[in-house]
Amino acid sequence: MAVPAAASVRDPGRYRPPALTGLTDLLDRPARARPQAPALITGADRARVSYRALDELADAVAARLTAAGLRPGDAVGLVSANTVEFVAALLGAARAGLVVAPVDPALPEPRMTAGLEALGVRAVLLGPTAGGTPPAAVGPGVPAWTLRVDLSPAGTATASLGTGAGAPADAGGAAGELTAQDALVLFTAGTTDRAKMVPLTHGAVAASVRGVCAVYELGPDDATVAAMPFFHGHGLFAALLSTLASGGCVLLPARGRFSAHTFWDDMRAAGATWFTAVPTIHEILLDRAATDLTDLAGPPVPALRFLRSSSAPLNTATQRALERTLGAPLLSAYGMTESAHQATSEPLPQHGPLKHGSVGRPAGVELRVLDPDGKPCPPGGEGEVWVHGPTVARGYLGNPGETAYGFVDGWFRTGDLGALDEDGHLFLTGRLKNVIIRGGEKVSPEHIEDVLAGCPGVAEAAVFAVPDATYGQRVGAAVVLSPAEGPGSEAPGAEEVRRYCRGRLAPFEVPDRIRIVTSLPHTAKGGLDRAAVDLQYAQDPVWPGLT
């Protein structure tokens, strides 16, 4: 079953997304129409940066990069927390015609160096890190230039670029595959030395931004707090670029990263109307809501139009609890680096029904769900999700084998399993590569994790395959328990958790092995790090409380 892009387009007379061609003209409309309006609120003192100041800052950075010897088409790395320096470097580099590759500042040197060398960047732009310490070294031969932005009380902004570390390096690596249309190279989730490099054109950036703005009808009256890092598509496209293109305001938290301690105060300071985050952050905010929302001094938190969740599956119980607590709909979205982030989303309530458990309908792309023989699945039938549209990348840099497998006739094979209902809403059921084969039966770890998350006393769970001589694989689970909620409260043990599962899962799906753990590893985006889970638990021969 395929769902066309037209299925997600609302009446164009009611809302028009911003007109832009890419990163270079992202600020053009708001800088002309509302030059004094705040584009950013940044730092511990919450300094305001107007659209005019940000526009001039981007021009200044572009001039400095050109003067340093960089030329259109060159690739540069960008290593920074969510600060004004990141925004200025990104937009300034784009205006200089450069292709920008944002990188996680927390990566250790070998991983950071491997990714940047594989791409072949000519320089690395450094901004502040969340911890206030310099980022890891980026390897010999590639100059690292520190960008600093100074903000005056009058609202002016000046940029300085420390190019004393050397002239641009010779181009190499996969940079030779870049085109004049490319704007970004994003690394897929995971460790950068193993991550794939995804080139995204200015056209893909523009299509992604317009799609996000259209679904949520973002405009000049909207504001948000940047809870997600900008070196991944979620924070970059949904929070930063879409807000700036629509003329809204983004608050960049102190130290350039999410803090549960200051989040609601930041939301109030920004006059925020929405925010987007991964389920891990939503869980944290929900756990702290009773205290945080009552302890705020001063005016209450502003009314929210909606909340947004993406990058990992959101537990339905958490979604409903947050909606009750904050009095706003929580809209689930689905996307990937290869589609410039958003591919589907639940609509605003006034534009269609919300189906809990769904990630919504296509947003500017086409979807199809295919069975193992490549045939479209009927409504409700499970298969692999394929995506096609203007946001989809052309392939991976320096990886022809993965490109040939993952990109077919303009369609991207996501590797995700899902089903489309009669209304075109997508329900994700797992990952092809995560499926556990237990005695010939196919088991979805994600489905079992969702059931485990509903068990009283369970905060989080990871399900994985355990090698077994008899069944080939058995089902293992690592479970994090919630804090006790009062006198007499008793956390469940492995057998209690298993008993809960028996009433809700098929016999072959019930975890054979359960371990109670204190925490689970997560990726930089906040999703479950399945590779680390497998390394820590699936291969561990010692399992307490086994059946």
Protein backbone atom coordinates (compact mmCIF):
# COMPACT_ATOMS: atom_id res chain seq x y z
CA MET A 1 0.00 0.00 0.00
CA ALA A 2 1.39 3.39 -0.96
CA VAL A 3 0.31 6.78 0.35
CA PRO A 4 1.07 9.79 -1.88
CA ALA A 5 2.42 13.08 -0.66
CA ALA A 6 -0.82 14.80 -1.65
CA ALA A 7 -2.62 12.88 1.07
CA SER A 8 -0.94 14.99 3.74
CA VAL A 9 -1.48 18.43 2.21
CA ARG A 10 -4.10 20.56 3.88
CA ASP A 11 -6.05 23.39 2.29
CA PRO A 12 -3.24 25.64 1.01
CA GLY A 13 -5.42 28.69 1.49
CA ARG A 14 -5.30 28.35 5.26
CA TYR A 15 -1.55 28.18 5.80
CA ARG A 16 1.40 28.70 3.50
CA PRO A 17 4.82 27.41 4.58
CA PRO A 18 7.77 29.78 4.14
CA ALA A 19 9.25 30.11 0.66
CA LEU A 20 12.96 29.29 0.58
CA THR A 21 15.48 27.43 -1.56
CA GLY A 22 17.83 26.18 1.18
CA LEU A 23 20.12 27.32 3.95
CA THR A 24 21.38 30.39 2.10
CA ASP A 25 18.05 32.26 2.08
CA LEU A 26 16.56 30.76 5.24
CA LEU A 27 16.54 34.13 7.04
CA ASP A 28 15.57 36.30 4.09
CA ARG A 29 11.85 36.64 4.74
CA PRO A 30 11.90 37.14 8.54
CA ALA A 31 14.92 39.46 8.35
CA ARG A 32 12.98 41.71 5.95
CA ALA A 33 9.57 41.45 7.57
CA ARG A 34 10.53 41.48 11.27
CA PRO A 35 14.15 42.60 11.58
CA GLN A 36 13.91 43.51 15.28
CA ALA A 37 12.04 40.37 16.34
CA PRO A 38 14.08 37.88 18.40
CA ALA A 39 15.42 34.95 16.40
CA LEU A 40 17.42 33.47 19.28
CA ILE A 41 17.48 33.73 23.06
CA THR A 42 20.83 32.43 24.20
CA GLY A 43 23.05 31.76 27.17
CA ALA A 44 22.63 31.93 30.91
CA ASP A 45 21.71 35.63 30.70
CA ARG A 46 19.19 34.88 27.92
CA ALA A 47 20.51 37.49 25.54
CA ARG A 48 18.28 38.18 22.56
CA VAL A 49 19.57 38.05 19.01
CA SER A 50 17.29 39.75 16.49
CA TYR A 51 16.77 38.53 12.94
CA ARG A 52 18.70 41.53 11.65
CA ALA A 53 21.62 40.78 13.97
CA LEU A 54 21.63 37.08 13.05
CA ASP A 55 21.44 37.92 9.34
CA GLU A 56 24.42 40.28 9.64
CA LEU A 57 26.27 37.72 11.73
CA ALA A 58 25.86 35.06 9.05
CA ASP A 59 27.22 37.48 6.43
CA ALA A 60 30.22 38.30 8.62
CA VAL A 61 31.06 34.63 9.18
CA ALA A 62 30.74 33.94 5.45
CA ALA A 63 33.20 36.73 4.69
CA ARG A 64 35.71 35.42 7.23
CA LEU A 65 35.54 31.88 5.89
CA THR A 66 36.09 33.09 2.34
CA ALA A 67 39.01 35.27 3.44
CA ALA A 68 40.54 32.22 5.17
CA GLY A 69 40.83 30.47 1.80
CA LEU A 70 37.73 28.29 1.64
CA ARG A 71 35.89 28.08 -1.66
CA PRO A 72 32.35 27.10 -2.69
CA GLY A 73 31.89 23.35 -2.58
CA ASP A 74 34.46 22.78 0.18
CA ALA A 75 33.37 20.64 3.11
CA VAL A 76 33.85 21.87 6.67
CA GLY A 77 33.17 20.19 10.00
CA LEU A 78 31.16 21.95 12.69
CA VAL A 79 31.73 20.95 16.31
CA SER A 80 29.63 22.91 18.79
CA ALA A 81 26.88 22.66 21.36
CA ASN A 82 23.53 24.38 20.72
CA THR A 83 24.92 27.90 20.88
CA VAL A 84 24.75 31.07 18.83
CA GLU A 85 28.15 30.05 17.43
CA PHE A 86 26.63 26.89 15.94
CA VAL A 87 23.85 28.86 14.26
CA ALA A 88 26.20 31.55 12.95
CA ALA A 89 28.71 28.98 11.66
CA LEU A 90 26.02 26.93 9.92
CA LEU A 91 24.32 29.83 8.17
CA GLY A 92 27.56 31.69 7.46
CA ALA A 93 29.21 28.63 5.92
CA ALA A 94 26.14 28.09 3.75
CA ARG A 95 26.31 31.67 2.47
CA ALA A 96 29.97 31.08 1.64
CA GLY A 97 28.90 28.12 -0.50
CA LEU A 98 30.39 25.53 1.83
CA VAL A 99 28.99 22.10 2.71
CA VAL A 100 28.65 21.74 6.49
CA ALA A 101 29.07 18.50 8.45
CA PRO A 102 27.88 18.91 12.06
CA VAL A 103 29.52 16.49 14.52
CA ASP A 104 28.73 15.54 18.12
CA PRO A 105 31.17 17.53 20.32
CA ALA A 106 31.21 14.71 22.88
CA LEU A 107 32.72 12.15 20.51
CA PRO A 108 36.19 10.90 21.48
CA GLU A 109 39.05 11.84 19.20
CA PRO A 110 39.32 8.57 17.22
CA ARG A 111 35.66 8.62 16.24
CA MET A 112 35.55 12.30 15.43
CA THR A 113 38.74 12.12 13.40
CA ALA A 114 37.59 9.03 11.49
CA GLY A 115 34.36 10.68 10.36
CA LEU A 116 35.91 14.00 9.36
CA GLU A 117 38.80 12.35 7.54
CA ALA A 118 36.44 10.00 5.69
CA LEU A 119 34.51 13.02 4.45
CA GLY A 120 37.61 15.04 3.64
CA VAL A 121 36.83 18.35 5.35
CA ARG A 122 39.19 21.25 4.64
CA ALA A 123 38.70 22.81 8.10
CA VAL A 124 36.74 22.33 11.31
CA LEU A 125 34.79 25.16 12.93
CA LEU A 126 34.75 24.97 16.71
CA GLY A 127 32.14 26.51 18.96
CA PRO A 128 31.58 26.14 22.71
CA THR A 129 30.87 22.67 24.09
CA ALA A 130 28.21 21.83 26.65
CA GLY A 131 30.83 21.12 29.29
CA GLY A 132 32.74 24.32 28.60
CA THR A 133 35.86 22.39 27.62
CA PRO A 134 37.44 22.25 24.16
CA PRO A 135 36.16 19.44 21.93
CA ALA A 136 38.33 16.45 21.15
CA ALA A 137 41.21 16.99 18.74
CA VAL A 138 40.28 16.50 15.13
CA GLY A 139 43.46 14.86 13.90
CA PRO A 140 46.60 16.16 12.23
CA GLY A 141 46.52 18.03 8.97
CA VAL A 142 43.06 19.58 9.36
CA PRO A 143 42.98 23.06 10.90
CA ALA A 144 40.51 23.70 13.71
CA TRP A 145 39.27 27.30 13.78
CA THR A 146 37.50 28.63 16.84
CA LEU A 147 34.45 30.80 16.20
CA ARG A 148 33.39 33.23 18.89
CA VAL A 149 30.33 35.46 18.92
CA ASP A 150 30.11 38.43 21.27
CA LEU A 151 26.73 39.95 22.05
CA SER A 152 26.40 43.51 23.29
CA PRO A 153 23.67 44.83 25.63
CA ALA A 154 22.44 46.88 22.67
CA GLY A 155 21.73 43.69 20.73
CA THR A 156 24.58 43.83 18.25
CA ALA A 157 26.63 40.72 17.51
CA THR A 158 30.22 40.42 16.34
CA ALA A 159 32.06 37.31 15.20
CA SER A 160 35.73 36.44 15.38
CA LEU A 161 37.31 33.43 13.69
CA GLY A 162 40.66 32.14 14.92
CA THR A 163 42.34 30.90 11.76
CA GLY A 164 45.82 30.79 13.27
CA ALA A 165 45.72 26.99 13.37
CA GLY A 166 46.68 26.87 9.70
CA ALA A 167 45.45 27.16 6.15
CA PRO A 168 42.69 24.89 4.80
CA ALA A 169 43.72 21.30 4.28
CA ASP A 170 43.83 19.66 0.87
CA ALA A 171 40.48 18.18 -0.06
CA GLY A 172 40.24 14.41 0.05
CA GLY A 173 38.02 11.57 1.17
CA ALA A 174 34.43 11.43 -0.03
CA ALA A 175 34.22 15.21 -0.52
CA GLY A 176 34.94 14.64 -4.19
CA GLU A 177 31.43 13.20 -4.51
CA LEU A 178 29.76 16.42 -3.35
CA THR A 179 27.84 18.58 -5.80
CA ALA A 180 27.16 22.30 -6.11
CA GLN A 181 23.64 21.66 -4.78
CA ASP A 182 24.76 20.09 -1.50
CA ALA A 183 24.24 21.95 1.77
CA LEU A 184 24.89 19.40 4.52
CA VAL A 185 26.51 16.08 5.27
CA LEU A 186 24.91 14.39 8.26
CA PHE A 187 26.30 11.30 9.94
CA THR A 188 23.76 8.58 10.66
CA ALA A 189 23.12 7.68 14.28
CA GLY A 190 25.79 5.64 16.03
CA THR A 191 29.49 6.03 16.45
CA THR A 192 30.88 8.27 13.74
CA ASP A 193 33.66 5.86 12.69
CA ARG A 194 30.95 3.38 11.65
CA ALA A 195 28.27 5.89 10.67
CA LYS A 196 27.27 6.49 7.08
CA MET A 197 27.59 9.95 5.52
CA VAL A 198 24.37 11.39 4.08
CA PRO A 199 24.60 14.35 1.66
CA LEU A 200 21.57 16.63 1.66
CA THR A 201 20.99 19.30 -0.95
CA HIS A 202 19.67 22.79 -0.35
CA GLY A 203 16.48 21.62 -2.04
CA ALA A 204 16.10 18.76 0.43
CA VAL A 205 16.68 21.17 3.33
CA ALA A 206 14.04 23.54 1.99
CA ALA A 207 11.54 20.72 1.43
CA SER A 208 12.10 19.36 4.93
CA VAL A 209 11.70 22.78 6.57
CA ARG A 210 8.56 23.55 4.58
CA GLY A 211 7.13 20.16 5.52
CA VAL A 212 7.68 20.68 9.25
CA CYS A 213 6.27 24.20 9.11
CA ALA A 214 3.21 23.04 7.15
CA VAL A 215 2.28 20.16 9.46
CA TYR A 216 2.44 22.29 12.61
CA GLU A 217 1.54 25.65 11.01
CA LEU A 218 4.59 27.35 12.51
CA GLY A 219 4.67 31.12 12.32
CA PRO A 220 6.08 34.32 13.87
CA ASP A 221 4.01 33.86 17.02
CA ASP A 222 5.63 30.51 17.82
CA ALA A 223 8.63 29.91 20.05
CA THR A 224 10.40 26.82 21.31
CA VAL A 225 13.30 25.64 23.48
CA ALA A 226 16.04 23.62 21.80
CA ALA A 227 15.95 20.36 23.73
CA MET A 228 17.61 18.27 20.99
CA PRO A 229 21.20 18.63 19.71
CA PHE A 230 21.66 20.37 16.38
CA PHE A 231 24.21 17.87 15.08
CA HIS A 232 21.31 15.48 14.35
CA GLY A 233 18.36 16.06 12.05
CA HIS A 234 15.73 16.12 14.81
CA GLY A 235 17.07 19.21 16.55
CA LEU A 236 18.46 20.78 13.38
CA PHE A 237 15.43 20.62 11.10
CA ALA A 238 12.47 20.49 13.49
CA ALA A 239 13.57 22.88 16.24
CA LEU A 240 16.12 25.26 14.71
CA LEU A 241 15.69 25.66 10.96
CA SER A 242 11.90 25.40 10.83
CA THR A 243 11.48 27.94 13.61
CA LEU A 244 13.88 30.43 12.01
CA ALA A 245 12.36 30.03 8.54
CA SER A 246 8.89 30.71 9.94
CA GLY A 247 10.00 33.82 11.83
CA GLY A 248 9.65 32.34 15.33
CA CYS A 249 12.09 32.26 18.23
CA VAL A 250 14.41 29.53 19.52
CA LEU A 251 15.76 29.60 23.06
CA LEU A 252 19.20 28.01 23.33
CA PRO A 253 19.61 26.77 26.93
CA ALA A 254 22.61 27.73 29.02
CA ARG A 255 25.64 25.61 28.13
CA GLY A 256 23.94 24.69 24.88
CA ARG A 257 22.14 21.56 25.97
CA PHE A 258 18.90 20.30 27.50
CA SER A 259 18.57 20.59 31.28
CA ALA A 260 15.55 19.22 33.09
CA HIS A 261 16.29 21.62 35.96
CA THR A 262 15.85 24.73 33.84
CA PHE A 263 13.58 23.50 31.05
CA TRP A 264 10.26 24.91 32.23
CA ASP A 265 11.83 28.19 33.26
CA ASP A 266 13.36 28.35 29.78
CA MET A 267 9.97 27.62 28.23
CA ARG A 268 8.43 30.44 30.19
CA ALA A 269 11.26 32.84 29.30
CA ALA A 270 10.80 32.07 25.61
CA GLY A 271 7.01 32.26 25.71
CA ALA A 272 7.21 28.83 24.11
CA THR A 273 4.20 27.46 22.25
CA TRP A 274 5.63 23.98 21.53
CA PHE A 275 8.70 21.80 21.82
CA THR A 276 10.07 18.62 20.29
CA ALA A 277 12.06 15.89 22.03
CA VAL A 278 12.84 12.20 22.15
CA PRO A 279 10.78 9.89 24.40
CA THR A 280 13.59 9.77 26.98
CA ILE A 281 13.25 13.51 27.58
CA HIS A 282 9.45 13.29 27.64
CA GLU A 283 9.74 10.59 30.32
CA ILE A 284 12.07 12.79 32.39
CA LEU A 285 9.76 15.79 32.12
CA LEU A 286 6.75 13.67 33.05
CA ASP A 287 8.50 12.23 36.11
CA ARG A 288 9.44 15.74 37.29
CA ALA A 289 6.21 17.48 36.30
CA ALA A 290 4.50 17.32 39.69
CA THR A 291 7.41 19.17 41.31
CA ASP A 292 8.71 21.36 38.50
CA LEU A 293 5.38 22.81 37.39
CA THR A 294 4.36 23.77 40.92
CA ASP A 295 7.71 25.15 42.08
CA LEU A 296 8.04 27.76 39.34
CA ALA A 297 8.14 31.28 40.67
CA GLY A 298 6.43 34.00 38.70
CA PRO A 299 4.00 33.62 35.80
CA PRO A 300 2.87 30.11 34.90
CA VAL A 301 4.18 28.15 31.96
CA PRO A 302 2.57 29.48 28.76
CA ALA A 303 -0.19 27.51 27.11
CA LEU A 304 1.23 25.07 24.57
CA ARG A 305 -0.29 24.48 21.14
CA PHE A 306 1.23 21.01 20.89
CA LEU A 307 4.12 18.77 21.90
CA ARG A 308 6.13 16.67 19.47
CA SER A 309 8.00 13.38 19.85
CA SER A 310 10.37 11.78 17.34
CA SER A 311 13.55 9.70 16.86
CA ALA A 312 12.35 6.72 18.90
CA PRO A 313 9.05 4.97 19.74
CA LEU A 314 6.96 6.76 22.36
CA ASN A 315 5.06 4.67 24.85
CA THR A 316 1.33 5.31 24.53
CA ALA A 317 0.87 5.57 28.30
CA THR A 318 3.52 8.30 28.45
CA GLN A 319 1.85 10.14 25.59
CA ARG A 320 -1.53 10.18 27.30
CA ALA A 321 -0.06 11.17 30.67
CA LEU A 322 1.82 14.11 29.15
CA GLU A 323 -1.26 15.29 27.32
CA ARG A 324 -3.24 15.27 30.56
CA THR A 325 -0.44 16.97 32.50
CA LEU A 326 0.31 19.75 30.00
CA GLY A 327 -3.12 20.14 28.43
CA ALA A 328 -1.84 19.90 24.86
CA PRO A 329 -1.79 17.18 22.18
CA LEU A 330 1.43 15.21 21.82
CA LEU A 331 2.10 14.50 18.15
CA SER A 332 4.36 11.61 17.18
CA ALA A 333 6.56 12.00 14.10
CA TYR A 334 8.82 9.66 12.18
CA GLY A 335 11.89 10.35 10.12
CA MET A 336 15.48 9.48 9.44
CA THR A 337 18.70 11.17 8.39
CA GLU A 338 18.26 9.91 4.83
CA SER A 339 14.95 11.79 4.48
CA ALA A 340 16.22 15.05 6.03
CA HIS A 341 14.39 14.15 9.24
CA GLN A 342 10.59 14.22 9.08
CA ALA A 343 8.73 11.78 6.83
CA THR A 344 5.44 11.44 8.71
CA SER A 345 3.63 13.13 11.56
CA GLU A 346 0.33 13.12 13.36
CA PRO A 347 -1.67 16.21 12.39
CA LEU A 348 -2.78 19.06 14.58
CA PRO A 349 -6.12 18.05 16.14
CA GLN A 350 -8.11 20.45 13.99
CA HIS A 351 -6.83 18.76 10.84
CA GLY A 352 -7.42 15.11 11.57
CA PRO A 353 -7.77 12.41 14.19
CA LEU A 354 -4.93 11.49 16.53
CA LYS A 355 -4.30 7.77 16.64
CA HIS A 356 -2.19 6.83 19.63
CA GLY A 357 0.48 4.37 18.60
CA SER A 358 0.69 5.84 15.11
CA VAL A 359 3.38 8.16 13.76
CA GLY A 360 0.85 9.83 11.51
CA ARG A 361 0.57 10.36 7.78
CA PRO A 362 3.15 11.35 5.14
CA ALA A 363 4.49 14.88 5.36
CA GLY A 364 5.65 15.94 1.90
CA VAL A 365 6.81 12.44 0.88
CA GLU A 366 5.33 9.21 -0.45
CA LEU A 367 5.29 6.02 1.59
CA ARG A 368 4.85 2.41 0.67
CA VAL A 369 4.98 -0.76 2.74
CA LEU A 370 6.31 -3.79 0.88
CA ASP A 371 6.37 -7.49 1.76
CA PRO A 372 9.56 -9.62 1.39
CA ASP A 373 8.68 -10.21 -2.29
CA GLY A 374 8.52 -6.47 -2.98
CA LYS A 375 4.74 -6.38 -3.28
CA PRO A 376 2.59 -3.69 -1.59
CA CYS A 377 1.02 -4.86 1.66
CA PRO A 378 -2.73 -4.48 2.14
CA PRO A 379 -4.01 -2.16 4.89
CA GLY A 380 -2.83 -3.56 8.21
CA GLY A 381 -0.23 -5.80 6.58
CA GLU A 382 3.29 -5.62 7.98
CA GLY A 383 6.25 -4.96 5.70
CA GLU A 384 9.27 -2.74 5.17
CA VAL A 385 8.66 1.00 4.97
CA TRP A 386 10.00 2.75 1.85
CA VAL A 387 10.13 6.56 1.42
CA HIS A 388 10.29 8.70 -1.72
CA GLY A 389 10.24 12.46 -2.18
CA PRO A 390 12.18 15.72 -2.42
CA THR A 391 13.75 15.34 1.02
CA VAL A 392 15.31 11.93 0.32
CA ALA A 393 19.08 11.82 -0.17
CA ARG A 394 20.65 10.36 -3.33
CA GLY A 395 22.70 7.82 -1.36
CA TYR A 396 25.70 7.59 0.95
CA LEU A 397 29.07 9.19 0.33
CA GLY A 398 31.93 6.76 -0.13
CA ASN A 399 29.71 3.71 0.28
CA PRO A 400 28.45 2.40 -3.07
CA GLY A 401 27.42 -0.97 -1.64
CA GLU A 402 25.10 0.48 1.00
CA THR A 403 23.81 3.02 -1.52
CA ALA A 404 22.88 0.29 -4.01
CA TYR A 405 21.01 -1.64 -1.33
CA GLY A 406 19.29 1.25 0.44
CA PHE A 407 18.34 3.52 -2.48
CA VAL A 408 16.29 2.02 -5.31
CA ASP A 409 14.83 4.15 -8.13
CA GLY A 410 14.57 7.20 -5.90
CA TRP A 411 13.06 5.24 -3.00
CA PHE A 412 14.84 4.76 0.32
CA ARG A 413 14.51 1.43 2.10
CA THR A 414 14.24 2.47 5.74
CA GLY A 415 14.76 -0.98 7.27
CA ASP A 416 11.78 -0.24 9.51
CA LEU A 417 8.83 -2.58 9.76
CA GLY A 418 5.37 -1.07 9.79
CA ALA A 419 1.82 -1.12 8.53
CA LEU A 420 -0.50 1.47 6.99
CA ASP A 421 -4.14 1.51 8.05
CA GLU A 422 -7.09 2.34 5.79
CA ASP A 423 -6.59 6.08 6.46
CA GLY A 424 -2.90 6.04 5.56
CA HIS A 425 -1.64 6.30 9.15
CA LEU A 426 1.67 4.53 9.69
CA PHE A 427 2.18 2.19 12.64
CA LEU A 428 5.79 1.12 13.19
CA THR A 429 6.33 -2.40 14.48
CA GLY A 430 10.11 -2.79 14.62
CA ARG A 431 13.35 -2.98 12.68
CA LEU A 432 14.21 -5.67 10.16
CA LYS A 433 17.66 -6.16 11.63
CA ASN A 434 16.33 -6.36 15.20
CA VAL A 435 13.88 -9.22 14.60
CA ILE A 436 14.56 -12.21 16.86
CA ILE A 437 14.05 -15.70 15.38
CA ARG A 438 13.12 -18.00 18.27
CA GLY A 439 12.56 -21.55 17.12
CA GLY A 440 11.34 -20.30 13.75
CA GLU A 441 8.98 -17.68 15.24
CA LYS A 442 9.66 -14.02 14.44
CA VAL A 443 9.69 -11.78 17.50
CA SER A 444 9.66 -7.97 17.47
CA PRO A 445 11.79 -6.52 20.31
CA GLU A 446 10.00 -3.19 20.02
CA HIS A 447 6.60 -4.79 20.60
CA ILE A 448 7.81 -6.58 23.73
CA GLU A 449 9.47 -3.38 24.99
CA ASP A 450 6.15 -1.57 24.64
CA VAL A 451 4.42 -4.25 26.71
CA LEU A 452 7.17 -4.18 29.34
CA ALA A 453 6.87 -0.40 29.61
CA GLY A 454 3.25 -0.89 30.75
CA CYS A 455 4.25 -3.19 33.61
CA PRO A 456 3.79 -1.47 36.99
CA GLY A 457 7.16 -0.56 38.40
CA VAL A 458 9.03 -0.71 35.07
CA ALA A 459 10.56 2.52 33.80
CA GLU A 460 12.35 1.27 30.68
CA ALA A 461 13.24 -1.99 28.97
CA ALA A 462 15.50 -3.30 26.22
CA VAL A 463 14.80 -6.59 24.45
CA PHE A 464 17.42 -8.49 22.47
CA ALA A 465 18.38 -11.92 21.12
CA VAL A 466 20.36 -14.33 23.29
CA PRO A 467 22.18 -17.11 21.36
CA ASP A 468 20.76 -20.55 22.16
CA ALA A 469 21.78 -24.01 20.95
CA THR A 470 18.22 -25.35 20.92
CA TYR A 471 16.09 -22.47 19.63
CA GLY A 472 18.77 -20.55 17.73
CA GLN A 473 17.86 -17.46 19.70
CA ARG A 474 15.99 -16.78 22.92
CA VAL A 475 14.39 -13.55 24.03
CA GLY A 476 16.31 -11.56 26.62
CA ALA A 477 15.29 -8.37 28.40
CA ALA A 478 17.10 -5.82 30.54
CA VAL A 479 14.65 -3.88 32.70
CA VAL A 480 15.06 -0.61 34.59
CA LEU A 481 12.68 -0.22 37.51
CA SER A 482 10.91 2.96 38.57
CA PRO A 483 11.70 4.48 41.97
CA ALA A 484 9.44 3.25 44.77
CA GLU A 485 6.45 5.59 45.04
CA GLY A 486 5.74 5.42 48.74
CA PRO A 487 5.89 3.44 52.00
CA GLY A 488 5.32 -0.23 51.42
CA SER A 489 5.97 0.03 47.69
CA GLU A 490 7.90 -2.93 46.40
CA ALA A 491 9.63 -3.10 43.06
CA PRO A 492 8.78 -6.10 40.91
CA GLY A 493 11.31 -8.87 40.41
CA ALA A 494 12.13 -10.75 37.23
CA GLU A 495 9.41 -13.35 37.80
CA GLU A 496 6.74 -10.69 38.44
CA VAL A 497 7.70 -8.95 35.20
CA ARG A 498 7.57 -12.26 33.33
CA ARG A 499 4.17 -13.06 34.82
CA TYR A 500 2.87 -9.70 33.58
CA CYS A 501 4.12 -10.52 30.08
CA ARG A 502 2.48 -13.96 29.99
CA GLY A 503 -0.96 -12.40 30.03
CA ARG A 504 -0.16 -10.02 27.19
CA LEU A 505 2.23 -11.81 24.84
CA ALA A 506 2.31 -15.00 22.85
CA PRO A 507 4.26 -17.75 24.66
CA PHE A 508 7.22 -17.48 22.28
CA GLU A 509 7.38 -13.69 22.86
CA VAL A 510 7.65 -13.84 26.66
CA PRO A 511 11.26 -13.07 27.63
CA ASP A 512 13.15 -16.23 28.56
CA ARG A 513 15.71 -14.22 30.44
CA ILE A 514 15.20 -11.01 32.39
CA ARG A 515 17.83 -8.96 34.16
CA ILE A 516 17.04 -6.01 36.42
CA VAL A 517 19.52 -3.21 35.69
CA THR A 518 20.03 0.34 36.95
CA SER A 519 20.21 2.03 33.54
CA LEU A 520 20.32 1.39 29.79
CA PRO A 521 22.67 2.93 27.21
CA HIS A 522 21.32 5.54 24.80
CA THR A 523 22.55 7.16 21.60
CA ALA A 524 23.26 10.86 21.33
CA LYS A 525 19.74 11.36 19.97
CA GLY A 526 18.23 9.71 23.04
CA GLY A 527 17.22 6.43 21.44
CA LEU A 528 18.10 3.03 22.83
CA ASP A 529 21.67 2.06 21.86
CA ARG A 530 20.99 -1.51 20.78
CA ALA A 531 24.59 -2.26 19.87
CA ALA A 532 25.69 -1.34 23.40
CA VAL A 533 22.80 -3.32 24.91
CA ASP A 534 23.84 -6.39 22.92
CA LEU A 535 27.44 -5.99 24.01
CA GLN A 536 26.58 -5.54 27.68
CA TYR A 537 23.80 -8.07 28.12
CA ALA A 538 23.14 -10.40 25.20
CA GLN A 539 26.62 -11.92 25.30
CA ASP A 540 26.80 -12.10 29.10
CA PRO A 541 26.87 -15.78 30.16
CA VAL A 542 25.79 -14.96 33.71
CA TRP A 543 22.03 -14.45 34.02
CA PRO A 544 20.44 -14.29 37.47
CA GLY A 545 16.87 -15.47 37.79
CA LEU A 546 16.72 -17.43 34.54
CA THR A 547 13.94 -19.78 33.61
